[in-house]
C-alpha cells in the first residue's frame, strides 16, 4: 500500500483520500484534479486498486437492490 504517490503537477493523495474519492464519485462527479489524483494513486497502489474494485461491486449490488425495491408491484 502506498501512502504518498506523486506525478508531475498532480499532488499526492493518501490511501484514505483515495477511499473517500472513490466513495464520493458515486454521488457526484470528481473534479479534473481529483480524477487525476485518484488515477495516479490507483496506478501505483495495489491495495487501493482492490478496494476500488470492491467499492464498484458493492455499488453495483446496491443499485440492483435499490432498483428491485423501487420496481412497481405487478400483482
N, C-alpha and C. Protein backbone atom coordinates (compact mmCIF):
# COMPACT_ATOMS: atom_id res chain seq x y z
N UNK A 1 0.85 -1.17 0.00
CA UNK A 1 0.00 0.00 0.00
C UNK A 1 0.89 1.22 0.00
N UNK A 2 0.60 2.15 -0.87
CA UNK A 2 1.39 3.36 -0.96
C UNK A 2 0.62 4.52 -0.36
N UNK A 3 1.27 5.28 0.49
CA UNK A 3 0.59 6.40 1.12
C UNK A 3 0.93 7.74 0.51
N UNK A 4 1.84 7.78 -0.47
CA UNK A 4 2.23 9.08 -0.97
C UNK A 4 2.79 8.96 -2.39
N UNK A 5 1.91 8.95 -3.36
CA UNK A 5 2.31 8.82 -4.76
C UNK A 5 2.15 10.17 -5.43
N UNK A 6 3.17 10.59 -6.15
CA UNK A 6 3.07 11.86 -6.87
C UNK A 6 3.37 11.65 -8.34
N UNK A 7 2.79 12.47 -9.15
CA UNK A 7 3.15 12.56 -10.56
C UNK A 7 3.35 14.03 -10.85
N UNK A 8 3.96 14.33 -11.94
CA UNK A 8 4.23 15.71 -12.29
C UNK A 8 2.94 16.52 -12.30
N UNK A 9 2.91 17.61 -11.56
CA UNK A 9 1.78 18.54 -11.48
C UNK A 9 0.52 17.95 -10.85
N UNK A 10 0.64 16.80 -10.21
CA UNK A 10 -0.51 16.22 -9.52
C UNK A 10 -0.10 15.94 -8.08
N UNK A 11 -0.63 16.71 -7.14
CA UNK A 11 -0.27 16.48 -5.74
C UNK A 11 -0.67 15.08 -5.30
N UNK A 12 0.13 14.52 -4.41
CA UNK A 12 -0.12 13.17 -3.92
C UNK A 12 -1.35 13.13 -3.03
N UNK A 13 -2.00 11.98 -3.03
CA UNK A 13 -3.09 11.73 -2.09
C UNK A 13 -2.78 10.44 -1.35
N UNK A 14 -3.39 10.26 -0.20
CA UNK A 14 -3.17 9.07 0.61
C UNK A 14 -4.19 7.99 0.25
N UNK A 15 -3.98 6.82 0.80
CA UNK A 15 -4.95 5.74 0.62
C UNK A 15 -6.29 6.14 1.21
N UNK A 16 -6.28 6.82 2.32
CA UNK A 16 -7.53 7.28 2.93
C UNK A 16 -8.24 8.26 1.99
N UNK A 17 -7.47 9.19 1.39
CA UNK A 17 -8.06 10.13 0.42
C UNK A 17 -8.67 9.37 -0.76
N UNK A 18 -7.98 8.34 -1.20
CA UNK A 18 -8.45 7.55 -2.33
C UNK A 18 -9.78 6.89 -2.01
N UNK A 19 -9.90 6.34 -0.82
CA UNK A 19 -11.16 5.73 -0.41
C UNK A 19 -12.28 6.75 -0.44
N UNK A 20 -12.01 7.93 0.07
CA UNK A 20 -13.01 8.99 0.09
C UNK A 20 -13.42 9.38 -1.34
N UNK A 21 -12.43 9.53 -2.23
CA UNK A 21 -12.74 9.92 -3.61
C UNK A 21 -13.55 8.85 -4.34
N UNK A 22 -13.19 7.59 -4.16
CA UNK A 22 -13.93 6.51 -4.81
C UNK A 22 -15.37 6.51 -4.34
N UNK A 23 -15.55 6.69 -3.05
CA UNK A 23 -16.90 6.72 -2.49
C UNK A 23 -17.66 7.97 -2.94
N UNK A 24 -17.02 9.11 -2.93
CA UNK A 24 -17.65 10.38 -3.32
C UNK A 24 -18.06 10.39 -4.78
N UNK A 25 -17.28 9.72 -5.62
CA UNK A 25 -17.57 9.70 -7.06
C UNK A 25 -18.92 9.07 -7.36
N UNK A 26 -19.44 8.30 -6.43
CA UNK A 26 -20.77 7.70 -6.61
C UNK A 26 -21.86 8.76 -6.57
N UNK A 27 -21.66 9.79 -5.77
CA UNK A 27 -22.67 10.81 -5.56
C UNK A 27 -22.53 12.03 -6.46
N UNK A 28 -21.31 12.33 -6.87
CA UNK A 28 -21.09 13.50 -7.72
C UNK A 28 -19.80 13.31 -8.50
N UNK A 29 -19.73 13.92 -9.67
CA UNK A 29 -18.51 13.79 -10.47
C UNK A 29 -17.30 14.39 -9.75
N UNK A 30 -16.16 13.76 -9.93
CA UNK A 30 -14.93 14.31 -9.38
C UNK A 30 -14.47 15.48 -10.22
N UNK A 31 -13.75 16.39 -9.60
CA UNK A 31 -13.14 17.47 -10.37
C UNK A 31 -12.03 16.86 -11.22
N UNK A 32 -11.59 17.56 -12.26
CA UNK A 32 -10.48 17.02 -13.05
C UNK A 32 -9.24 16.72 -12.20
N UNK A 33 -8.93 17.59 -11.25
CA UNK A 33 -7.76 17.36 -10.40
C UNK A 33 -7.97 16.12 -9.52
N UNK A 34 -9.14 15.97 -8.96
CA UNK A 34 -9.42 14.79 -8.14
C UNK A 34 -9.30 13.51 -8.98
N UNK A 35 -9.82 13.55 -10.19
CA UNK A 35 -9.75 12.38 -11.08
C UNK A 35 -8.29 12.04 -11.40
N UNK A 36 -7.47 13.05 -11.65
CA UNK A 36 -6.05 12.80 -11.92
C UNK A 36 -5.35 12.23 -10.69
N UNK A 37 -5.64 12.80 -9.53
CA UNK A 37 -5.03 12.31 -8.29
C UNK A 37 -5.43 10.86 -8.03
N UNK A 38 -6.69 10.56 -8.21
CA UNK A 38 -7.18 9.21 -7.99
C UNK A 38 -6.51 8.24 -8.96
N UNK A 39 -6.48 8.59 -10.22
CA UNK A 39 -5.85 7.72 -11.23
C UNK A 39 -4.37 7.50 -10.92
N UNK A 40 -3.67 8.56 -10.53
CA UNK A 40 -2.25 8.44 -10.22
C UNK A 40 -2.03 7.51 -9.02
N UNK A 41 -2.86 7.66 -8.01
CA UNK A 41 -2.69 6.82 -6.83
C UNK A 41 -3.02 5.36 -7.16
N UNK A 42 -4.13 5.15 -7.86
CA UNK A 42 -4.52 3.78 -8.20
C UNK A 42 -3.48 3.09 -9.09
N UNK A 43 -2.79 3.86 -9.91
CA UNK A 43 -1.79 3.28 -10.80
C UNK A 43 -0.65 2.63 -10.02
N UNK A 44 -0.41 3.10 -8.80
CA UNK A 44 0.73 2.58 -8.06
C UNK A 44 0.40 1.91 -6.74
N UNK A 45 -0.87 1.72 -6.44
CA UNK A 45 -1.23 1.15 -5.14
C UNK A 45 -2.17 -0.04 -5.34
N UNK A 46 -1.61 -1.22 -5.19
CA UNK A 46 -2.39 -2.44 -5.39
C UNK A 46 -3.53 -2.56 -4.40
N UNK A 47 -3.31 -2.16 -3.17
CA UNK A 47 -4.37 -2.26 -2.15
C UNK A 47 -5.55 -1.38 -2.51
N UNK A 48 -5.30 -0.19 -3.00
CA UNK A 48 -6.39 0.71 -3.39
C UNK A 48 -7.06 0.25 -4.67
N UNK A 49 -6.33 -0.41 -5.54
CA UNK A 49 -6.95 -0.99 -6.74
C UNK A 49 -7.98 -2.03 -6.33
N UNK A 50 -7.62 -2.89 -5.37
CA UNK A 50 -8.55 -3.91 -4.87
C UNK A 50 -9.75 -3.23 -4.22
N UNK A 51 -9.49 -2.26 -3.36
CA UNK A 51 -10.57 -1.57 -2.67
C UNK A 51 -11.51 -0.88 -3.66
N UNK A 52 -10.95 -0.27 -4.70
CA UNK A 52 -11.76 0.40 -5.70
C UNK A 52 -12.67 -0.59 -6.42
N UNK A 53 -12.14 -1.76 -6.76
CA UNK A 53 -12.96 -2.80 -7.40
C UNK A 53 -14.05 -3.28 -6.44
N UNK A 54 -13.72 -3.41 -5.17
CA UNK A 54 -14.71 -3.84 -4.19
C UNK A 54 -15.83 -2.81 -4.04
N UNK A 55 -15.45 -1.53 -4.02
CA UNK A 55 -16.47 -0.47 -3.98
C UNK A 55 -17.37 -0.56 -5.20
N UNK A 56 -16.78 -0.75 -6.38
CA UNK A 56 -17.57 -0.83 -7.61
C UNK A 56 -18.56 -1.99 -7.54
N UNK A 57 -18.12 -3.14 -7.03
CA UNK A 57 -19.01 -4.29 -6.89
C UNK A 57 -20.13 -4.00 -5.89
N UNK A 58 -19.77 -3.39 -4.77
CA UNK A 58 -20.76 -3.04 -3.77
C UNK A 58 -21.80 -2.07 -4.32
N UNK A 59 -21.32 -1.04 -5.02
CA UNK A 59 -22.24 -0.05 -5.59
C UNK A 59 -23.16 -0.69 -6.63
N UNK A 60 -22.64 -1.60 -7.43
CA UNK A 60 -23.47 -2.28 -8.43
C UNK A 60 -24.54 -3.13 -7.74
N UNK A 61 -24.16 -3.80 -6.68
CA UNK A 61 -25.13 -4.60 -5.94
C UNK A 61 -26.19 -3.71 -5.29
N UNK A 62 -25.78 -2.58 -4.75
CA UNK A 62 -26.74 -1.64 -4.17
C UNK A 62 -27.70 -1.12 -5.23
N UNK A 63 -27.16 -0.78 -6.40
CA UNK A 63 -28.02 -0.30 -7.48
C UNK A 63 -29.06 -1.35 -7.86
N UNK A 64 -28.63 -2.60 -7.94
CA UNK A 64 -29.56 -3.68 -8.27
C UNK A 64 -30.63 -3.83 -7.20
N UNK A 65 -30.21 -3.81 -5.95
CA UNK A 65 -31.15 -3.94 -4.84
C UNK A 65 -32.12 -2.76 -4.81
N UNK A 66 -31.62 -1.56 -4.96
CA UNK A 66 -32.49 -0.38 -4.93
C UNK A 66 -33.45 -0.37 -6.11
N UNK A 67 -33.02 -0.81 -7.27
CA UNK A 67 -33.89 -0.87 -8.44
C UNK A 67 -34.98 -1.90 -8.21
N UNK A 68 -34.64 -3.00 -7.59
CA UNK A 68 -35.61 -4.04 -7.30
C UNK A 68 -36.65 -3.51 -6.31
N UNK A 69 -36.20 -2.79 -5.30
CA UNK A 69 -37.13 -2.24 -4.29
C UNK A 69 -38.01 -1.14 -4.87
N UNK A 70 -37.53 -0.44 -5.89
CA UNK A 70 -38.29 0.66 -6.48
C UNK A 70 -39.25 0.20 -7.57
N UNK A 71 -39.10 -1.05 -8.02
CA UNK A 71 -39.96 -1.56 -9.10
C UNK A 71 -41.40 -1.65 -8.62
N UNK A 72 -42.36 -1.24 -9.46
CA UNK A 72 -43.77 -1.34 -9.07
C UNK A 72 -44.21 -2.80 -8.99
N UNK A 73 -45.14 -3.04 -8.12
CA UNK A 73 -45.69 -4.39 -7.98
C UNK A 73 -46.57 -4.71 -9.20
N UNK A 74 -46.41 -5.92 -9.73
CA UNK A 74 -47.21 -6.35 -10.88
C UNK A 74 -48.44 -7.14 -10.45
N UNK A 75 -48.67 -7.23 -9.15
CA UNK A 75 -49.77 -8.06 -8.65
C UNK A 75 -51.10 -7.39 -8.77
